[in-house]
N, C-alpha and C. Protein backbone atom coordinates (compact mmCIF):
# COMPACT_ATOMS: atom_id res chain seq x y z
N MET A 1 147.42 56.36 95.69
CA MET A 1 146.81 57.64 95.80
C MET A 1 147.90 58.70 96.00
N GLY A 2 147.74 59.86 95.35
CA GLY A 2 148.77 60.89 95.42
C GLY A 2 148.69 61.67 96.72
N LYS A 3 149.65 62.53 96.86
CA LYS A 3 149.74 63.35 98.05
C LYS A 3 148.59 64.38 98.05
N GLN A 4 147.82 64.47 99.16
CA GLN A 4 146.69 65.39 99.25
C GLN A 4 147.18 66.78 99.63
N GLN A 5 146.59 67.76 98.99
CA GLN A 5 146.91 69.15 99.28
C GLN A 5 145.97 69.64 100.39
N PRO A 6 146.46 70.47 101.28
CA PRO A 6 145.56 71.00 102.31
C PRO A 6 144.54 71.93 101.68
N ILE A 7 143.35 71.94 102.25
CA ILE A 7 142.26 72.79 101.75
C ILE A 7 142.25 74.08 102.56
N GLU A 8 142.14 75.18 101.85
CA GLU A 8 142.06 76.48 102.52
C GLU A 8 140.74 77.13 102.12
N ILE A 9 139.97 77.53 103.11
CA ILE A 9 138.69 78.17 102.86
C ILE A 9 138.85 79.66 103.14
N PHE A 10 138.43 80.45 102.16
CA PHE A 10 138.54 81.90 102.26
C PHE A 10 137.14 82.48 102.37
N MET A 11 136.86 83.24 103.41
CA MET A 11 135.56 83.88 103.60
C MET A 11 135.73 85.37 103.30
N PRO A 12 135.12 85.88 102.22
CA PRO A 12 135.25 87.30 101.91
C PRO A 12 134.54 88.14 102.97
N PRO A 13 135.02 89.34 103.21
CA PRO A 13 134.35 90.18 104.21
C PRO A 13 132.98 90.63 103.71
N ASN A 14 132.05 90.82 104.62
CA ASN A 14 130.70 91.26 104.28
C ASN A 14 130.70 92.78 104.24
N MET A 15 130.97 93.33 103.06
CA MET A 15 131.08 94.78 102.90
C MET A 15 129.71 95.47 103.01
N LEU A 16 128.67 94.78 102.60
CA LEU A 16 127.34 95.37 102.66
C LEU A 16 126.95 95.65 104.11
N LYS A 17 127.21 94.68 104.98
CA LYS A 17 126.89 94.85 106.38
C LYS A 17 127.67 96.02 106.98
N ALA A 18 128.91 96.17 106.57
CA ALA A 18 129.73 97.27 107.07
C ALA A 18 129.19 98.62 106.60
N LYS A 19 128.66 98.67 105.37
CA LYS A 19 128.17 99.93 104.82
C LYS A 19 126.79 100.30 105.37
N VAL A 20 125.92 99.31 105.52
CA VAL A 20 124.55 99.56 105.95
C VAL A 20 124.47 99.63 107.47
N GLY A 21 125.24 98.85 108.13
CA GLY A 21 125.16 98.77 109.58
C GLY A 21 124.61 97.44 109.98
N GLY A 22 124.92 97.02 111.15
CA GLY A 22 124.58 95.67 111.58
C GLY A 22 123.17 95.51 112.10
N SER A 23 122.48 96.59 112.48
CA SER A 23 121.15 96.42 113.06
C SER A 23 120.23 97.54 112.58
N ALA A 24 118.98 97.41 112.96
CA ALA A 24 118.00 98.42 112.58
C ALA A 24 118.17 99.69 113.41
N GLY A 25 119.05 99.66 114.39
CA GLY A 25 119.27 100.82 115.24
C GLY A 25 119.80 102.01 114.45
N GLY A 26 120.37 101.77 113.27
CA GLY A 26 120.92 102.85 112.47
C GLY A 26 119.88 103.58 111.65
N LEU A 27 118.63 103.13 111.69
CA LEU A 27 117.58 103.77 110.90
C LEU A 27 117.17 105.09 111.54
N ASP A 28 116.95 106.05 110.71
CA ASP A 28 116.49 107.35 111.17
C ASP A 28 114.96 107.31 111.18
N MET A 29 114.39 107.09 112.34
CA MET A 29 112.94 106.95 112.45
C MET A 29 112.21 108.24 112.07
N SER A 30 112.83 109.37 112.30
CA SER A 30 112.17 110.63 111.91
C SER A 30 112.08 110.73 110.39
N ALA A 31 113.08 110.23 109.68
CA ALA A 31 113.03 110.23 108.22
C ALA A 31 111.93 109.30 107.72
N ILE A 32 111.77 108.18 108.38
CA ILE A 32 110.70 107.24 108.00
C ILE A 32 109.34 107.88 108.24
N LYS A 33 109.17 108.56 109.36
CA LYS A 33 107.89 109.22 109.64
C LYS A 33 107.60 110.33 108.64
N ARG A 34 108.63 111.07 108.23
CA ARG A 34 108.44 112.11 107.21
C ARG A 34 108.02 111.49 105.88
N ALA A 35 108.63 110.37 105.53
CA ALA A 35 108.29 109.69 104.28
C ALA A 35 106.84 109.19 104.32
N GLU A 36 106.44 108.63 105.45
CA GLU A 36 105.06 108.15 105.59
C GLU A 36 104.07 109.31 105.49
N LYS A 37 104.41 110.44 106.07
CA LYS A 37 103.54 111.62 105.99
C LYS A 37 103.44 112.12 104.54
N ALA A 38 104.57 112.09 103.82
CA ALA A 38 104.56 112.50 102.42
C ALA A 38 103.67 111.59 101.59
N ILE A 39 103.73 110.30 101.85
CA ILE A 39 102.89 109.33 101.13
C ILE A 39 101.41 109.62 101.42
N GLU A 40 101.09 109.88 102.67
CA GLU A 40 99.70 110.19 103.02
C GLU A 40 99.22 111.45 102.30
N THR A 41 100.09 112.44 102.19
CA THR A 41 99.75 113.67 101.48
C THR A 41 99.48 113.38 100.01
N LEU A 42 100.29 112.52 99.41
CA LEU A 42 100.12 112.18 98.00
C LEU A 42 98.91 111.29 97.76
N ARG A 43 98.51 110.53 98.77
CA ARG A 43 97.40 109.59 98.62
C ARG A 43 96.14 110.28 98.10
N VAL A 44 95.97 111.54 98.45
CA VAL A 44 94.82 112.32 97.98
C VAL A 44 94.86 112.43 96.45
N GLU A 45 96.05 112.50 95.90
CA GLU A 45 96.19 112.66 94.45
C GLU A 45 96.10 111.33 93.70
N PHE A 46 96.16 110.20 94.42
CA PHE A 46 96.12 108.89 93.77
C PHE A 46 94.88 108.72 92.91
N THR A 47 93.73 109.20 93.40
CA THR A 47 92.48 109.06 92.65
C THR A 47 92.57 109.78 91.31
N ASP A 48 93.11 110.99 91.34
CA ASP A 48 93.27 111.74 90.09
C ASP A 48 94.21 111.01 89.14
N TRP A 49 95.29 110.48 89.69
CA TRP A 49 96.29 109.80 88.85
C TRP A 49 95.73 108.53 88.22
N ILE A 50 95.01 107.73 89.01
CA ILE A 50 94.48 106.49 88.43
C ILE A 50 93.37 106.81 87.43
N ASN A 51 92.59 107.85 87.69
CA ASN A 51 91.56 108.24 86.71
C ASN A 51 92.21 108.67 85.41
N ALA A 52 93.33 109.36 85.48
CA ALA A 52 94.05 109.75 84.27
C ALA A 52 94.57 108.52 83.52
N ASP A 53 95.04 107.52 84.26
CA ASP A 53 95.51 106.29 83.63
C ASP A 53 94.36 105.54 82.96
N VAL A 54 93.20 105.52 83.61
CA VAL A 54 92.02 104.86 83.03
C VAL A 54 91.59 105.58 81.75
N GLU A 55 91.62 106.90 81.76
CA GLU A 55 91.26 107.66 80.56
C GLU A 55 92.26 107.42 79.43
N ARG A 56 93.54 107.29 79.78
CA ARG A 56 94.55 106.98 78.76
C ARG A 56 94.29 105.60 78.15
N LEU A 57 93.91 104.65 78.99
CA LEU A 57 93.56 103.31 78.50
C LEU A 57 92.35 103.38 77.58
N ALA A 58 91.34 104.14 77.97
CA ALA A 58 90.13 104.28 77.15
C ALA A 58 90.45 104.95 75.82
N ALA A 59 91.32 105.94 75.83
CA ALA A 59 91.71 106.61 74.58
C ALA A 59 92.48 105.65 73.67
N ALA A 60 93.34 104.83 74.25
CA ALA A 60 94.07 103.84 73.45
C ALA A 60 93.11 102.81 72.88
N ARG A 61 92.09 102.46 73.63
CA ARG A 61 91.07 101.52 73.13
C ARG A 61 90.31 102.14 71.96
N GLU A 62 89.96 103.42 72.08
CA GLU A 62 89.25 104.11 70.99
C GLU A 62 90.11 104.15 69.73
N ALA A 63 91.37 104.45 69.88
CA ALA A 63 92.28 104.51 68.72
C ALA A 63 92.41 103.13 68.08
N PHE A 64 92.46 102.08 68.90
CA PHE A 64 92.55 100.72 68.38
C PHE A 64 91.26 100.33 67.64
N ALA A 65 90.12 100.74 68.18
CA ALA A 65 88.84 100.42 67.54
C ALA A 65 88.73 101.06 66.16
N LYS A 66 89.28 102.28 66.01
CA LYS A 66 89.23 102.98 64.73
C LYS A 66 90.23 102.43 63.73
N ALA A 67 91.39 102.02 64.21
CA ALA A 67 92.44 101.49 63.34
C ALA A 67 93.11 100.30 64.04
N PRO A 68 92.50 99.12 63.92
CA PRO A 68 93.01 97.95 64.67
C PRO A 68 94.27 97.34 64.05
N ASP A 69 95.37 98.07 64.18
CA ASP A 69 96.63 97.56 63.66
C ASP A 69 97.59 97.25 64.81
N ALA A 70 98.74 96.73 64.47
CA ALA A 70 99.71 96.30 65.49
C ALA A 70 100.20 97.48 66.33
N GLU A 71 100.38 98.63 65.70
CA GLU A 71 100.86 99.80 66.45
C GLU A 71 99.85 100.23 67.51
N ARG A 72 98.57 100.28 67.14
CA ARG A 72 97.53 100.68 68.10
C ARG A 72 97.37 99.62 69.19
N GLN A 73 97.54 98.36 68.81
CA GLN A 73 97.46 97.30 69.82
C GLN A 73 98.62 97.42 70.81
N ASP A 74 99.80 97.77 70.31
CA ASP A 74 100.95 97.99 71.20
C ASP A 74 100.70 99.17 72.14
N ASP A 75 100.09 100.24 71.61
CA ASP A 75 99.77 101.40 72.45
C ASP A 75 98.78 101.00 73.56
N LEU A 76 97.80 100.20 73.18
CA LEU A 76 96.82 99.72 74.14
C LEU A 76 97.47 98.83 75.19
N PHE A 77 98.39 97.97 74.75
CA PHE A 77 99.12 97.12 75.68
C PHE A 77 99.90 97.97 76.69
N ARG A 78 100.61 98.98 76.19
CA ARG A 78 101.41 99.84 77.08
C ARG A 78 100.53 100.56 78.10
N ALA A 79 99.39 101.06 77.65
CA ALA A 79 98.47 101.74 78.57
C ALA A 79 97.96 100.76 79.63
N GLY A 80 97.63 99.55 79.21
CA GLY A 80 97.19 98.52 80.16
C GLY A 80 98.29 98.11 81.11
N HIS A 81 99.50 97.98 80.58
CA HIS A 81 100.65 97.59 81.40
C HIS A 81 100.97 98.66 82.44
N ASP A 82 100.93 99.91 82.03
CA ASP A 82 101.17 101.01 82.98
C ASP A 82 100.11 101.01 84.07
N LEU A 83 98.87 100.81 83.66
CA LEU A 83 97.78 100.79 84.62
C LEU A 83 97.91 99.62 85.58
N LYS A 84 98.36 98.49 85.07
CA LYS A 84 98.55 97.31 85.93
C LYS A 84 99.49 97.64 87.08
N GLY A 85 100.59 98.29 86.79
CA GLY A 85 101.54 98.65 87.84
C GLY A 85 101.04 99.77 88.73
N GLN A 86 100.45 100.78 88.13
CA GLN A 86 99.99 101.94 88.90
C GLN A 86 98.82 101.58 89.80
N ALA A 87 97.94 100.72 89.34
CA ALA A 87 96.75 100.38 90.13
C ALA A 87 97.15 99.77 91.48
N LEU A 88 98.16 98.95 91.50
CA LEU A 88 98.62 98.39 92.77
C LEU A 88 99.15 99.49 93.68
N THR A 89 99.94 100.37 93.12
CA THR A 89 100.50 101.48 93.89
C THR A 89 99.40 102.35 94.47
N PHE A 90 98.34 102.56 93.69
CA PHE A 90 97.26 103.43 94.11
C PHE A 90 96.19 102.72 94.94
N GLY A 91 96.40 101.43 95.22
CA GLY A 91 95.48 100.70 96.09
C GLY A 91 94.29 100.08 95.40
N PHE A 92 94.42 99.76 94.11
CA PHE A 92 93.34 99.13 93.36
C PHE A 92 93.80 97.76 92.83
N PRO A 93 93.93 96.77 93.70
CA PRO A 93 94.45 95.47 93.26
C PRO A 93 93.55 94.76 92.23
N MET A 94 92.25 94.98 92.30
CA MET A 94 91.37 94.32 91.34
C MET A 94 91.50 94.95 89.95
N ALA A 95 91.70 96.25 89.91
CA ALA A 95 91.94 96.91 88.62
C ALA A 95 93.26 96.41 88.05
N ALA A 96 94.25 96.21 88.90
CA ALA A 96 95.54 95.68 88.45
C ALA A 96 95.37 94.27 87.89
N ARG A 97 94.55 93.47 88.53
CA ARG A 97 94.32 92.09 88.07
C ARG A 97 93.65 92.08 86.69
N VAL A 98 92.66 92.92 86.51
CA VAL A 98 91.98 92.99 85.21
C VAL A 98 92.93 93.55 84.15
N ALA A 99 93.73 94.53 84.51
CA ALA A 99 94.71 95.09 83.56
C ALA A 99 95.74 94.02 83.18
N ALA A 100 96.13 93.17 84.13
CA ALA A 100 97.06 92.08 83.83
C ALA A 100 96.43 91.11 82.83
N SER A 101 95.16 90.83 83.00
CA SER A 101 94.45 89.96 82.07
C SER A 101 94.40 90.58 80.67
N LEU A 102 94.15 91.89 80.62
CA LEU A 102 94.14 92.59 79.34
C LEU A 102 95.51 92.52 78.67
N CYS A 103 96.55 92.71 79.44
CA CYS A 103 97.92 92.63 78.89
C CYS A 103 98.20 91.24 78.34
N LYS A 104 97.76 90.23 79.05
CA LYS A 104 97.94 88.86 78.57
C LYS A 104 97.23 88.65 77.24
N LEU A 105 96.03 89.18 77.13
CA LEU A 105 95.27 89.09 75.89
C LEU A 105 95.99 89.80 74.75
N LEU A 106 96.44 91.01 75.01
CA LEU A 106 97.08 91.82 73.97
C LEU A 106 98.46 91.32 73.58
N ASP A 107 99.11 90.64 74.50
CA ASP A 107 100.46 90.13 74.24
C ASP A 107 100.41 88.77 73.56
N GLY A 108 99.23 88.19 73.44
CA GLY A 108 99.08 86.88 72.82
C GLY A 108 99.27 86.97 71.30
N ASN A 109 99.19 85.84 70.67
CA ASN A 109 99.35 85.79 69.21
C ASN A 109 98.10 86.34 68.53
N GLY A 110 98.32 87.09 67.48
CA GLY A 110 97.21 87.59 66.68
C GLY A 110 96.59 88.84 67.26
N ARG A 111 95.54 89.29 66.59
CA ARG A 111 94.84 90.49 67.01
C ARG A 111 93.81 90.13 68.05
N ALA A 112 93.76 90.89 69.11
CA ALA A 112 92.82 90.63 70.19
C ALA A 112 91.41 91.05 69.78
N PRO A 113 90.39 90.28 70.17
CA PRO A 113 89.02 90.64 69.81
C PRO A 113 88.54 91.88 70.58
N LEU A 114 87.99 92.83 69.85
CA LEU A 114 87.55 94.10 70.43
C LEU A 114 86.52 93.93 71.55
N PRO A 115 85.52 93.05 71.42
CA PRO A 115 84.56 92.91 72.53
C PRO A 115 85.22 92.49 73.85
N LEU A 116 86.23 91.67 73.78
CA LEU A 116 86.93 91.24 74.99
C LEU A 116 87.80 92.38 75.54
N ILE A 117 88.38 93.16 74.66
CA ILE A 117 89.12 94.35 75.10
C ILE A 117 88.16 95.31 75.80
N ASP A 118 87.00 95.54 75.17
CA ASP A 118 86.00 96.44 75.75
C ASP A 118 85.56 95.97 77.14
N ALA A 119 85.38 94.67 77.30
CA ALA A 119 84.97 94.13 78.60
C ALA A 119 86.01 94.43 79.67
N HIS A 120 87.27 94.32 79.30
CA HIS A 120 88.35 94.63 80.25
C HIS A 120 88.37 96.12 80.61
N VAL A 121 88.31 96.97 79.59
CA VAL A 121 88.35 98.42 79.82
C VAL A 121 87.15 98.84 80.66
N ASP A 122 85.97 98.33 80.34
CA ASP A 122 84.77 98.67 81.11
C ASP A 122 84.87 98.18 82.56
N ALA A 123 85.41 96.99 82.75
CA ALA A 123 85.57 96.45 84.10
C ALA A 123 86.51 97.33 84.93
N ILE A 124 87.60 97.76 84.31
CA ILE A 124 88.55 98.64 85.02
C ILE A 124 87.87 99.95 85.37
N ARG A 125 87.11 100.50 84.43
CA ARG A 125 86.39 101.76 84.71
C ARG A 125 85.46 101.61 85.91
N VAL A 126 84.71 100.52 85.95
CA VAL A 126 83.75 100.30 87.03
C VAL A 126 84.48 100.10 88.36
N ILE A 127 85.54 99.34 88.35
CA ILE A 127 86.29 99.09 89.59
C ILE A 127 86.83 100.40 90.16
N VAL A 128 87.39 101.23 89.30
CA VAL A 128 87.95 102.51 89.77
C VAL A 128 86.83 103.47 90.16
N ARG A 129 85.79 103.57 89.33
CA ARG A 129 84.67 104.48 89.62
C ARG A 129 84.01 104.13 90.95
N ASN A 130 83.85 102.83 91.22
CA ASN A 130 83.19 102.39 92.45
C ASN A 130 84.17 102.24 93.62
N ASN A 131 85.42 102.62 93.38
CA ASN A 131 86.44 102.62 94.43
C ASN A 131 86.60 101.23 95.07
N VAL A 132 86.61 100.19 94.25
CA VAL A 132 86.77 98.82 94.73
C VAL A 132 88.25 98.58 95.01
N LYS A 133 88.59 98.58 96.30
CA LYS A 133 89.99 98.40 96.69
C LYS A 133 90.21 97.09 97.44
N ASP A 134 89.14 96.40 97.75
CA ASP A 134 89.23 95.16 98.52
C ASP A 134 89.40 93.97 97.57
N GLU A 135 90.49 93.25 97.75
CA GLU A 135 90.75 92.08 96.89
C GLU A 135 89.74 90.97 97.10
N SER A 136 89.01 91.00 98.19
CA SER A 136 88.03 89.94 98.45
C SER A 136 86.63 90.32 97.96
N ASP A 137 86.51 91.42 97.25
CA ASP A 137 85.20 91.83 96.71
C ASP A 137 84.69 90.72 95.79
N ARG A 138 83.55 90.16 96.16
CA ARG A 138 83.02 88.98 95.46
C ARG A 138 82.71 89.27 94.00
N VAL A 139 82.04 90.36 93.71
CA VAL A 139 81.65 90.67 92.33
C VAL A 139 82.89 90.93 91.47
N ALA A 140 83.83 91.69 92.02
CA ALA A 140 85.05 91.99 91.26
C ALA A 140 85.84 90.71 90.98
N ASN A 141 85.87 89.79 91.92
CA ASN A 141 86.58 88.53 91.71
C ASN A 141 85.90 87.66 90.66
N ILE A 142 84.58 87.62 90.68
CA ILE A 142 83.85 86.86 89.66
C ILE A 142 84.12 87.46 88.28
N LEU A 143 84.05 88.77 88.20
CA LEU A 143 84.30 89.46 86.93
C LEU A 143 85.72 89.20 86.43
N ALA A 144 86.70 89.35 87.31
CA ALA A 144 88.10 89.13 86.91
C ALA A 144 88.32 87.68 86.48
N SER A 145 87.75 86.75 87.21
CA SER A 145 87.89 85.33 86.85
C SER A 145 87.27 85.03 85.49
N GLU A 146 86.12 85.60 85.23
CA GLU A 146 85.45 85.40 83.94
C GLU A 146 86.30 85.97 82.80
N LEU A 147 86.82 87.17 83.00
CA LEU A 147 87.67 87.78 81.97
C LEU A 147 88.93 86.95 81.74
N GLU A 148 89.55 86.48 82.80
CA GLU A 148 90.75 85.64 82.67
C GLU A 148 90.45 84.35 81.92
N GLY A 149 89.27 83.77 82.17
CA GLY A 149 88.86 82.57 81.46
C GLY A 149 88.66 82.83 79.97
N ARG A 150 88.02 83.96 79.66
CA ARG A 150 87.81 84.31 78.25
C ARG A 150 89.13 84.59 77.53
N VAL A 151 90.08 85.19 78.23
CA VAL A 151 91.40 85.43 77.64
C VAL A 151 92.08 84.10 77.35
N ALA A 152 91.99 83.16 78.28
CA ALA A 152 92.60 81.84 78.07
C ALA A 152 91.98 81.16 76.85
N GLU A 153 90.67 81.26 76.71
CA GLU A 153 89.99 80.67 75.56
C GLU A 153 90.44 81.35 74.25
N SER A 154 90.53 82.66 74.27
CA SER A 154 90.94 83.41 73.09
C SER A 154 92.37 83.06 72.68
N LEU A 155 93.25 82.97 73.64
CA LEU A 155 94.65 82.64 73.32
C LEU A 155 94.77 81.21 72.81
N LYS A 156 93.96 80.31 73.37
CA LYS A 156 93.96 78.93 72.92
C LYS A 156 93.46 78.83 71.47
N ALA A 157 92.41 79.61 71.15
CA ALA A 157 91.87 79.63 69.80
C ALA A 157 92.89 80.22 68.80
N ASN A 158 93.62 81.24 69.22
CA ASN A 158 94.63 81.85 68.36
C ASN A 158 95.81 80.91 68.11
N ALA A 159 96.11 80.08 69.11
CA ALA A 159 97.24 79.16 68.98
C ALA A 159 96.91 77.99 68.05
N ALA A 160 95.63 77.68 67.94
CA ALA A 160 95.21 76.53 67.13
C ALA A 160 95.27 76.83 65.63
């Protein structure tokens, strides 16, 4: 066996800790309270914003129904995808879940069936209109599960 070389372990300095600070004591609690107050002020506008997103989704659905081509389907996907993200921010997790199901349908192979698209858009409208913000809402969960099942069936049929 040859001569063994000594092992040297080098630990790089933790620059992030030095820049951020070692504890939560460095947080400016007044800045956090101002940010929370700003969010509360904006929360009033969340309803208007999500309603605008729902209307944009409905308009994209109308355009797709009139001219069901790849470009219109992409527009519909983008509107659904935007709504999926915004709905969570605005406190509508069930609308986000249905929008995610719609995106899965639209991102699948082939052209998505219009009746299934309509069911998703209508479900999102009802969830937002009725202000369903509770993820444990029984009816919304049944509806979302049914739509997700139909999307799975549709994608399976398209793959075959």
